[in-house]
Structure formats: C-alpha cells, structure tokens
Amino acid sequence: MAHRIGVLLSGNGVYDGSEIHESVFTLLAIDENRGEAVCMAPNIDQHHVVNHISGDEMPEKRNVLIEAARIARGAISDLAEISVENLDALVIPGGFGAAKNLTKWAFNGPDGEIEPDVKRIISEMVKAGKPIVGICMGPTVIAKALEGAGLKEHLSVGTTEEASPYEIDDISKGLEKAGAVAEMKSINEISIDETNKIICAPSYMMEGSITDVRNNIKQGIDELFEMLES
C-alpha cells in the first residue's frame, strides 16, 4: 500500500504563496517513490496578493486553499478536514506564503502567530512519530508549531557559508529563539533529525539553479521514504 504523504501548501506563487517549483518537485519526488501525495491548505484569505512581475501588492483578495488548488490540479483538501491518522508523513514546501499565510514569520519573525490548524497538524505528526520534511522556509513553520514543546528539533534553512538571497543568519537565530537547533546546510545537503524525524532541504533559500533545487528536494524526499521504511 502506498505511503500517504501530506503536502501542506500556502497558496500559489513564491511571493505570496507556495513556491511552485518546490511544490511540483515535491509532488514529483513523492510519485517517483511510489507514494500518494495528499495536498492540503488552510481555507483562509492570503495575507496579500503580489504581482509577480513588479513585486507590487495588488488591490484584491485571494483564498489560500483556492489558489493552492492550481498547483494540485484541483485535488486538494481543506486542512481543517485532514486528520493525522490518514497520513504517513508531511511535507511543507517553501515560498513566502509559508511566512505570510501559514505563519506571520515574515512580519514578526519567531514572535509571529501561526494558523491553529497548521500548528495542530505538525504537532500531531510529531507526537505520532510520523516524519516531516521542511523545504526552504518550511522549517520556520515547523519551529513555530513546536515552540514550547522542548524538543530541541534540528532544522536548517541554509548556510551562511554560501550565497543566499535571504538573511540566513537572522532566520537561523529565529529558529533558535523558537526552541530549535539551527544547522548550516548548503543547497546540496539536507539536515536529518533522527530523534524527531524531521528532514530539511534549503532549496531556494540558497542561490542555485532549478536543477539544484530539484536535486535537493529529491534528496529530502528520498530520505523521507527511507525513514518510512526503516
């Protein structure tokens, strides 16, 4: 029987939702491992809508679930209706939506709020001993969900030793403020927390090609299936 892998999406598009390349590569890697992807998203309004050409905010509203359905080709569920009992693992792709819609990390760092159902599903997965993969900014969502649990989970959003378009040091310090242990990993590496069953792949947090991102995500998802089989 195929492993059912939840894919938690945050919209559609890097600047206000899920990073599309990361999301599609996640779905591809799950299928290559003969798993079944179960796409989900919270049924809430996006924080805002961004013009992906100019970077300007647009005067309109969009729904996270409806926008994420574009990536899932319509096969998506409201996160509120998803139970941990129906999943074997969970993957959280990146994109600014992770830090604007799933949490408010983009505005208040680790002090930002987290959507209650996002916190619920992550906390329940960890409590049940089921693996989680955080891609790109996904680890910040995991850190926020597990804040106060005392797990000292090991997470990574990249490394300060190589080029990045983002403030890796600041984000890593935010992870630690939320109670995690921040690891430095390049786009060619993943971090693996065997104790808490959490895998992180930096992907587009670091400078790299689309092929680099594809390979990094495949590395993380392949490790996830090894974890599931062990």
C-alpha atoms as a PDB file:
ATOM      1  CA  MET A   1       0.000   0.000   0.000  1.00  0.00           C
ATOM      2  CA  ALA A   2       1.385   3.413  -0.991  1.00  0.00           C
ATOM      3  CA  HIS A   3       2.513   5.774   1.737  1.00  0.00           C
ATOM      4  CA  ARG A   4       0.217   8.789   2.000  1.00  0.00           C
ATOM      5  CA  ILE A   5       2.299  11.964   2.129  1.00  0.00           C
ATOM      6  CA  GLY A   6       0.593  15.208   3.091  1.00  0.00           C
ATOM      7  CA  VAL A   7       1.764  18.274   1.153  1.00  0.00           C
ATOM      8  CA  LEU A   8       0.882  21.461   3.014  1.00  0.00           C
ATOM      9  CA  LEU A   9       0.526  24.336   0.542  1.00  0.00           C
ATOM     10  CA  SER A  10       0.209  28.055   1.298  1.00  0.00           C
ATOM     11  CA  GLY A  11      -1.125  29.495  -1.953  1.00  0.00           C
ATOM     12  CA  ASN A  12       0.241  29.703  -5.478  1.00  0.00           C
ATOM     13  CA  GLY A  13       3.404  31.678  -6.236  1.00  0.00           C
ATOM     14  CA  VAL A  14       6.662  32.413  -4.454  1.00  0.00           C
ATOM     15  CA  TYR A  15       5.939  35.956  -3.234  1.00  0.00           C
ATOM     16  CA  ASP A  16       2.521  35.384  -1.678  1.00  0.00           C
ATOM     17  CA  GLY A  17       2.005  31.610  -1.580  1.00  0.00           C
ATOM     18  CA  SER A  18       3.790  28.304  -2.148  1.00  0.00           C
ATOM     19  CA  GLU A  19       6.931  28.276  -4.284  1.00  0.00           C
ATOM     20  CA  ILE A  20       5.681  26.494  -7.403  1.00  0.00           C
ATOM     21  CA  HIS A  21       8.927  24.779  -8.438  1.00  0.00           C
ATOM     22  CA  GLU A  22       9.415  23.425  -4.914  1.00  0.00           C
ATOM     23  CA  SER A  23       5.819  22.252  -4.711  1.00  0.00           C
ATOM     24  CA  VAL A  24       5.888  20.479  -8.077  1.00  0.00           C
ATOM     25  CA  PHE A  25       9.287  18.887  -7.402  1.00  0.00           C
ATOM     26  CA  THR A  26       7.865  17.635  -4.097  1.00  0.00           C
ATOM     27  CA  LEU A  27       4.909  16.038  -5.857  1.00  0.00           C
ATOM     28  CA  LEU A  28       7.226  14.526  -8.472  1.00  0.00           C
ATOM     29  CA  ALA A  29       9.619  13.058  -5.900  1.00  0.00           C
ATOM     30  CA  ILE A  30       6.720  11.556  -3.936  1.00  0.00           C
ATOM     31  CA  ASP A  31       5.415   9.911  -7.100  1.00  0.00           C
ATOM     32  CA  GLU A  32       8.891   8.654  -8.016  1.00  0.00           C
ATOM     33  CA  ASN A  33       8.963   6.911  -4.630  1.00  0.00           C
ATOM     34  CA  ARG A  34       5.539   5.403  -5.412  1.00  0.00           C
ATOM     35  CA  GLY A  35       3.877   7.413  -2.697  1.00  0.00           C
ATOM     36  CA  GLU A  36       0.491   9.123  -2.773  1.00  0.00           C
ATOM     37  CA  ALA A  37       0.524  12.908  -2.358  1.00  0.00           C
ATOM     38  CA  VAL A  38      -2.318  14.344  -0.293  1.00  0.00           C
ATOM     39  CA  CYS A  39      -2.437  18.090  -0.965  1.00  0.00           C
ATOM     40  CA  MET A  40      -3.966  20.394   1.619  1.00  0.00           C
ATOM     41  CA  ALA A  41      -4.122  24.072   2.535  1.00  0.00           C
ATOM     42  CA  PRO A  42      -5.912  26.230   5.090  1.00  0.00           C
ATOM     43  CA  ASN A  43      -9.183  27.748   3.902  1.00  0.00           C
ATOM     44  CA  ILE A  44      -8.221  31.349   4.722  1.00  0.00           C
ATOM     45  CA  ASP A  45      -7.536  34.609   2.899  1.00  0.00           C
ATOM     46  CA  GLN A  46      -3.968  35.247   1.782  1.00  0.00           C
ATOM     47  CA  HIS A  47      -2.179  37.999   3.688  1.00  0.00           C
ATOM     48  CA  HIS A  48      -1.996  39.880   0.387  1.00  0.00           C
ATOM     49  CA  VAL A  49      -1.665  39.334  -3.357  1.00  0.00           C
ATOM     50  CA  VAL A  50       1.600  40.202  -5.123  1.00  0.00           C
ATOM     51  CA  ASN A  51       2.197  40.995  -8.775  1.00  0.00           C
ATOM     52  CA  HIS A  52       4.980  38.533  -9.585  1.00  0.00           C
ATOM     53  CA  ILE A  53       6.372  40.764 -12.361  1.00  0.00           C
ATOM     54  CA  SER A  54       6.672  44.054 -10.472  1.00  0.00           C
ATOM     55  CA  GLY A  55       6.659  42.790  -6.891  1.00  0.00           C
ATOM     56  CA  ASP A  56       3.911  45.278  -6.055  1.00  0.00           C
ATOM     57  CA  GLU A  57       0.959  44.446  -3.843  1.00  0.00           C
ATOM     58  CA  MET A  58      -2.315  44.184  -5.770  1.00  0.00           C
ATOM     59  CA  PRO A  59      -5.677  45.556  -4.542  1.00  0.00           C
ATOM     60  CA  GLU A  60      -7.516  42.239  -4.380  1.00  0.00           C
ATOM     61  CA  LYS A  61      -8.147  39.244  -2.131  1.00  0.00           C
ATOM     62  CA  ARG A  62      -7.451  35.593  -2.810  1.00  0.00           C
ATOM     63  CA  ASN A  63      -8.083  32.424  -0.828  1.00  0.00           C
ATOM     64  CA  VAL A  64      -5.129  30.212   0.110  1.00  0.00           C
ATOM     65  CA  LEU A  65      -6.985  26.938  -0.496  1.00  0.00           C
ATOM     66  CA  ILE A  66      -8.393  28.019  -3.857  1.00  0.00           C
ATOM     67  CA  GLU A  67      -5.044  29.346  -5.071  1.00  0.00           C
ATOM     68  CA  ALA A  68      -3.156  26.242  -3.871  1.00  0.00           C
ATOM     69  CA  ALA A  69      -5.649  24.121  -5.827  1.00  0.00           C
ATOM     70  CA  ARG A  70      -3.962  25.426  -9.007  1.00  0.00           C
ATOM     71  CA  ILE A  71      -0.785  23.546  -8.070  1.00  0.00           C
ATOM     72  CA  ALA A  72      -2.725  20.451  -7.017  1.00  0.00           C
ATOM     73  CA  ARG A  73      -4.788  20.418 -10.231  1.00  0.00           C
ATOM     74  CA  GLY A  74      -7.880  20.674  -8.058  1.00  0.00           C
ATOM     75  CA  ALA A  75      -7.120  17.596  -5.952  1.00  0.00           C
ATOM     76  CA  ILE A  76      -6.806  19.347  -2.604  1.00  0.00           C
ATOM     77  CA  SER A  77      -8.473  19.312   0.809  1.00  0.00           C
ATOM     78  CA  ASP A  78      -9.180  21.914   3.458  1.00  0.00           C
ATOM     79  CA  LEU A  79      -6.507  21.452   6.134  1.00  0.00           C
ATOM     80  CA  ALA A  80      -9.222  21.597   8.815  1.00  0.00           C
ATOM     81  CA  GLU A  81     -10.607  18.312   7.464  1.00  0.00           C
ATOM     82  CA  ILE A  82      -7.273  16.458   7.480  1.00  0.00           C
ATOM     83  CA  SER A  83      -6.531  14.036  10.296  1.00  0.00           C
ATOM     84  CA  VAL A  84      -3.062  12.805  11.200  1.00  0.00           C
ATOM     85  CA  GLU A  85      -4.445   9.267  11.181  1.00  0.00           C
ATOM     86  CA  ASN A  86      -4.803   9.487   7.401  1.00  0.00           C
ATOM     87  CA  LEU A  87      -1.180  10.486   6.748  1.00  0.00           C
ATOM     88  CA  ASP A  88       2.157   8.694   6.953  1.00  0.00           C
ATOM     89  CA  ALA A  89       4.269  11.845   6.604  1.00  0.00           C
ATOM     90  CA  LEU A  90       4.017  15.581   5.923  1.00  0.00           C
ATOM     91  CA  VAL A  91       5.964  17.897   3.596  1.00  0.00           C
ATOM     92  CA  ILE A  92       5.911  21.706   3.762  1.00  0.00           C
ATOM     93  CA  PRO A  93       7.229  23.426   0.609  1.00  0.00           C
ATOM     94  CA  GLY A  94       8.560  26.959   0.885  1.00  0.00           C
ATOM     95  CA  GLY A  95       7.590  30.267  -0.627  1.00  0.00           C
ATOM     96  CA  PHE A  96       6.658  33.490   1.154  1.00  0.00           C
ATOM     97  CA  GLY A  97       3.209  32.022   1.813  1.00  0.00           C
ATOM     98  CA  ALA A  98       4.753  29.829   4.491  1.00  0.00           C
ATOM     99  CA  ALA A  99       5.801  33.009   6.304  1.00  0.00           C
ATOM    100  CA  LYS A 100       2.769  35.149   5.408  1.00  0.00           C
ATOM    101  CA  ASN A 101      -0.177  32.747   5.410  1.00  0.00           C
ATOM    102  CA  LEU A 102       0.752  29.644   7.425  1.00  0.00           C
ATOM    103  CA  THR A 103       2.553  31.846   9.953  1.00  0.00           C
ATOM    104  CA  LYS A 104       3.356  35.548  10.276  1.00  0.00           C
ATOM    105  CA  TRP A 105       7.119  34.988  10.424  1.00  0.00           C
ATOM    106  CA  ALA A 106       7.638  37.426   7.522  1.00  0.00           C
ATOM    107  CA  PHE A 107       6.383  40.284   9.696  1.00  0.00           C
ATOM    108  CA  ASN A 108       7.310  39.348  13.266  1.00  0.00           C
ATOM    109  CA  GLY A 109       9.893  36.578  12.943  1.00  0.00           C
ATOM    110  CA  PRO A 110       9.549  33.830  15.557  1.00  0.00           C
ATOM    111  CA  ASP A 111       7.169  36.061  17.532  1.00  0.00           C
ATOM    112  CA  GLY A 112       4.614  35.901  14.713  1.00  0.00           C
ATOM    113  CA  GLU A 113       1.412  33.890  15.007  1.00  0.00           C
ATOM    114  CA  ILE A 114       0.756  30.516  13.389  1.00  0.00           C
ATOM    115  CA  GLU A 115      -2.519  29.281  11.908  1.00  0.00           C
ATOM    116  CA  PRO A 116      -4.116  26.963  14.511  1.00  0.00           C
ATOM    117  CA  ASP A 117      -4.694  24.079  12.094  1.00  0.00           C
ATOM    118  CA  VAL A 118      -1.113  24.330  10.838  1.00  0.00           C
ATOM    119  CA  LYS A 119       0.156  24.054  14.412  1.00  0.00           C
ATOM    120  CA  ARG A 120      -2.252  21.172  15.039  1.00  0.00           C
ATOM    121  CA  ILE A 121      -1.222  19.001  12.093  1.00  0.00           C
ATOM    122  CA  ILE A 122       2.515  19.478  12.681  1.00  0.00           C
ATOM    123  CA  SER A 123       2.266  18.881  16.425  1.00  0.00           C
ATOM    124  CA  GLU A 124       0.136  15.779  15.918  1.00  0.00           C
ATOM    125  CA  MET A 125       2.519  14.369  13.299  1.00  0.00           C
ATOM    126  CA  VAL A 126       5.492  14.740  15.633  1.00  0.00           C
ATOM    127  CA  LYS A 127       3.558  13.313  18.584  1.00  0.00           C
ATOM    128  CA  ALA A 128       2.596  10.316  16.445  1.00  0.00           C
ATOM    129  CA  GLY A 129       6.228   9.780  15.419  1.00  0.00           C
ATOM    130  CA  LYS A 130       5.479  10.458  11.754  1.00  0.00           C
ATOM    131  CA  PRO A 131       8.163  12.178   9.622  1.00  0.00           C
ATOM    132  CA  ILE A 132       8.046  15.779   8.411  1.00  0.00           C
ATOM    133  CA  VAL A 133      10.039  17.475   5.643  1.00  0.00           C
ATOM    134  CA  GLY A 134      10.539  21.250   5.697  1.00  0.00           C
ATOM    135  CA  ILE A 135      11.647  22.786   2.397  1.00  0.00           C
ATOM    136  CA  CYS A 136      13.045  26.318   2.029  1.00  0.00           C
ATOM    137  CA  MET A 137      11.089  28.404   4.604  1.00  0.00           C
ATOM    138  CA  GLY A 138       9.134  25.327   5.714  1.00  0.00           C
ATOM    139  CA  PRO A 139      11.387  24.787   8.747  1.00  0.00           C
ATOM    140  CA  THR A 140      10.242  28.120  10.219  1.00  0.00           C
ATOM    141  CA  VAL A 141       6.680  26.787  10.209  1.00  0.00           C
ATOM    142  CA  ILE A 142       7.840  23.630  11.962  1.00  0.00           C
ATOM    143  CA  ALA A 143       9.767  25.641  14.564  1.00  0.00           C
ATOM    144  CA  LYS A 144       6.766  27.820  15.300  1.00  0.00           C
ATOM    145  CA  ALA A 145       4.425  24.833  15.564  1.00  0.00           C
ATOM    146  CA  LEU A 146       6.727  23.064  18.030  1.00  0.00           C
ATOM    147  CA  GLU A 147       7.591  26.164  20.055  1.00  0.00           C
ATOM    148  CA  GLY A 148       7.424  25.426  23.764  1.00  0.00           C
ATOM    149  CA  ALA A 149       7.447  21.641  23.308  1.00  0.00           C
ATOM    150  CA  GLY A 150      11.082  21.375  24.430  1.00  0.00           C
ATOM    151  CA  LEU A 151      12.016  19.024  21.598  1.00  0.00           C
ATOM    152  CA  LYS A 152      15.189  20.871  20.507  1.00  0.00           C
ATOM    153  CA  GLU A 153      14.420  19.809  16.951  1.00  0.00           C
ATOM    154  CA  HIS A 154      17.253  20.238  14.459  1.00  0.00           C
ATOM    155  CA  LEU A 155      16.272  22.409  11.483  1.00  0.00           C
ATOM    156  CA  SER A 156      18.016  24.156   8.610  1.00  0.00           C
ATOM    157  CA  VAL A 157      17.120  26.993   6.242  1.00  0.00           C
ATOM    158  CA  GLY A 158      20.551  27.038   4.585  1.00  0.00           C
ATOM    159  CA  THR A 159      24.057  28.181   5.411  1.00  0.00           C
ATOM    160  CA  THR A 160      25.862  31.478   5.914  1.00  0.00           C
ATOM    161  CA  GLU A 161      28.930  29.990   4.180  1.00  0.00           C
ATOM    162  CA  GLU A 162      27.451  30.214   0.668  1.00  0.00           C
ATOM    163  CA  ALA A 163      25.468  32.763  -1.343  1.00  0.00           C
ATOM    164  CA  SER A 164      21.829  33.328  -0.425  1.00  0.00           C
ATOM    165  CA  PRO A 165      19.238  35.968  -1.356  1.00  0.00           C
ATOM    166  CA  TYR A 166      17.994  35.884   2.241  1.00  0.00           C
ATOM    167  CA  GLU A 167      19.280  36.607   5.753  1.00  0.00           C
ATOM    168  CA  ILE A 168      20.147  33.039   6.725  1.00  0.00           C
ATOM    169  CA  ASP A 169      21.806  34.109   9.973  1.00  0.00           C
ATOM    170  CA  ASP A 170      18.775  36.080  11.152  1.00  0.00           C
ATOM    171  CA  ILE A 171      16.333  33.317  10.234  1.00  0.00           C
ATOM    172  CA  SER A 172      18.535  30.711  11.903  1.00  0.00           C
ATOM    173  CA  LYS A 173      18.612  32.806  15.076  1.00  0.00           C
ATOM    174  CA  GLY A 174      14.826  32.962  14.858  1.00  0.00           C
ATOM    175  CA  LEU A 175      14.668  29.169  14.710  1.00  0.00           C
ATOM    176  CA  GLU A 176      16.729  29.004  17.875  1.00  0.00           C
ATOM    177  CA  LYS A 177      14.583  31.609  19.613  1.00  0.00           C
ATOM    178  CA  ALA A 178      11.606  29.348  18.896  1.00  0.00           C
ATOM    179  CA  GLY A 179      13.430  26.474  20.593  1.00  0.00           C
ATOM    180  CA  ALA A 180      15.046  24.656  17.656  1.00  0.00           C
ATOM    181  CA  VAL A 181      18.697  23.907  16.944  1.00  0.00           C
ATOM    182  CA  ALA A 182      19.722  25.592  13.685  1.00  0.00           C
ATOM    183  CA  GLU A 183      22.066  23.673  11.376  1.00  0.00           C
ATOM    184  CA  MET A 184      24.014  25.088   8.427  1.00  0.00           C
ATOM    185  CA  LYS A 185      23.347  23.184   5.201  1.00  0.00           C
ATOM    186  CA  SER A 186      24.025  24.053   1.564  1.00  0.00           C
ATOM    187  CA  ILE A 187      21.656  23.552  -1.361  1.00  0.00           C
ATOM    188  CA  ASN A 188      23.427  20.233  -1.943  1.00  0.00           C
ATOM    189  CA  GLU A 189      22.697  18.988   1.571  1.00  0.00           C
ATOM    190  CA  ILE A 190      19.798  18.128   3.842  1.00  0.00           C
ATOM    191  CA  SER A 191      19.563  18.110   7.619  1.00  0.00           C
ATOM    192  CA  ILE A 192      18.211  14.993   9.290  1.00  0.00           C
ATOM    193  CA  ASP A 193      16.859  14.970  12.844  1.00  0.00           C
ATOM    194  CA  GLU A 194      16.547  11.240  13.523  1.00  0.00           C
ATOM    195  CA  THR A 195      15.091  11.754  17.000  1.00  0.00           C
ATOM    196  CA  ASN A 196      12.164  13.926  15.930  1.00  0.00           C
ATOM    197  CA  LYS A 197      12.008  12.534  12.365  1.00  0.00           C
ATOM    198  CA  ILE A 198      12.385  15.932  10.692  1.00  0.00           C
ATOM    199  CA  ILE A 199      14.220  16.489   7.400  1.00  0.00           C
ATOM    200  CA  CYS A 200      15.082  19.921   5.966  1.00  0.00           C
ATOM    201  CA  ALA A 201      16.126  20.870   2.433  1.00  0.00           C
ATOM    202  CA  PRO A 202      17.220  24.523   1.953  1.00  0.00           C
ATOM    203  CA  SER A 203      16.347  24.665  -1.774  1.00  0.00           C
ATOM    204  CA  TYR A 204      15.623  28.239  -2.925  1.00  0.00           C
ATOM    205  CA  MET A 205      16.789  29.735   0.369  1.00  0.00           C
ATOM    206  CA  MET A 206      20.213  29.426  -1.260  1.00  0.00           C
ATOM    207  CA  GLU A 207      21.465  30.623  -4.637  1.00  0.00           C
ATOM    208  CA  GLY A 208      21.127  27.764  -7.099  1.00  0.00           C
ATOM    209  CA  SER A 209      19.684  26.584 -10.375  1.00  0.00           C
ATOM    210  CA  ILE A 210      16.332  24.930 -10.870  1.00  0.00           C
ATOM    211  CA  THR A 211      18.245  21.657 -11.235  1.00  0.00           C
ATOM    212  CA  ASP A 212      19.960  22.238  -7.892  1.00  0.00           C
ATOM    213  CA  VAL A 213      16.572  22.776  -6.272  1.00  0.00           C
ATOM    214  CA  ARG A 214      15.103  19.684  -7.908  1.00  0.00           C
ATOM    215  CA  ASN A 215      18.030  17.558  -6.713  1.00  0.00           C
ATOM    216  CA  ASN A 216      17.872  18.947  -3.172  1.00  0.00           C
ATOM    217  CA  ILE A 217      14.163  18.236  -2.864  1.00  0.00           C
ATOM    218  CA  LYS A 218      14.573  14.728  -4.287  1.00  0.00           C
ATOM    219  CA  GLN A 219      17.351  14.166  -1.752  1.00  0.00           C
ATOM    220  CA  GLY A 220      14.978  15.163   1.059  1.00  0.00           C
ATOM    221  CA  ILE A 221      12.006  13.153  -0.186  1.00  0.00           C
ATOM    222  CA  ASP A 222      14.151  10.077  -0.868  1.00  0.00           C
ATOM    223  CA  GLU A 223      15.412  10.309   2.718  1.00  0.00           C
ATOM    224  CA  LEU A 224      11.807  10.614   3.895  1.00  0.00           C
ATOM    225  CA  PHE A 225      10.891   7.313   2.246  1.00  0.00           C
ATOM    226  CA  GLU A 226      13.971   5.644   3.693  1.00  0.00           C
ATOM    227  CA  MET A 227      12.813   6.867   7.099  1.00  0.00           C
ATOM    228  CA  LEU A 228       9.333   5.485   6.476  1.00  0.00           C
ATOM    229  CA  GLU A 229      10.728   2.083   5.513  1.00  0.00           C
ATOM    230  CA  SER A 230      13.197   1.822   8.400  1.00  0.00           C
END
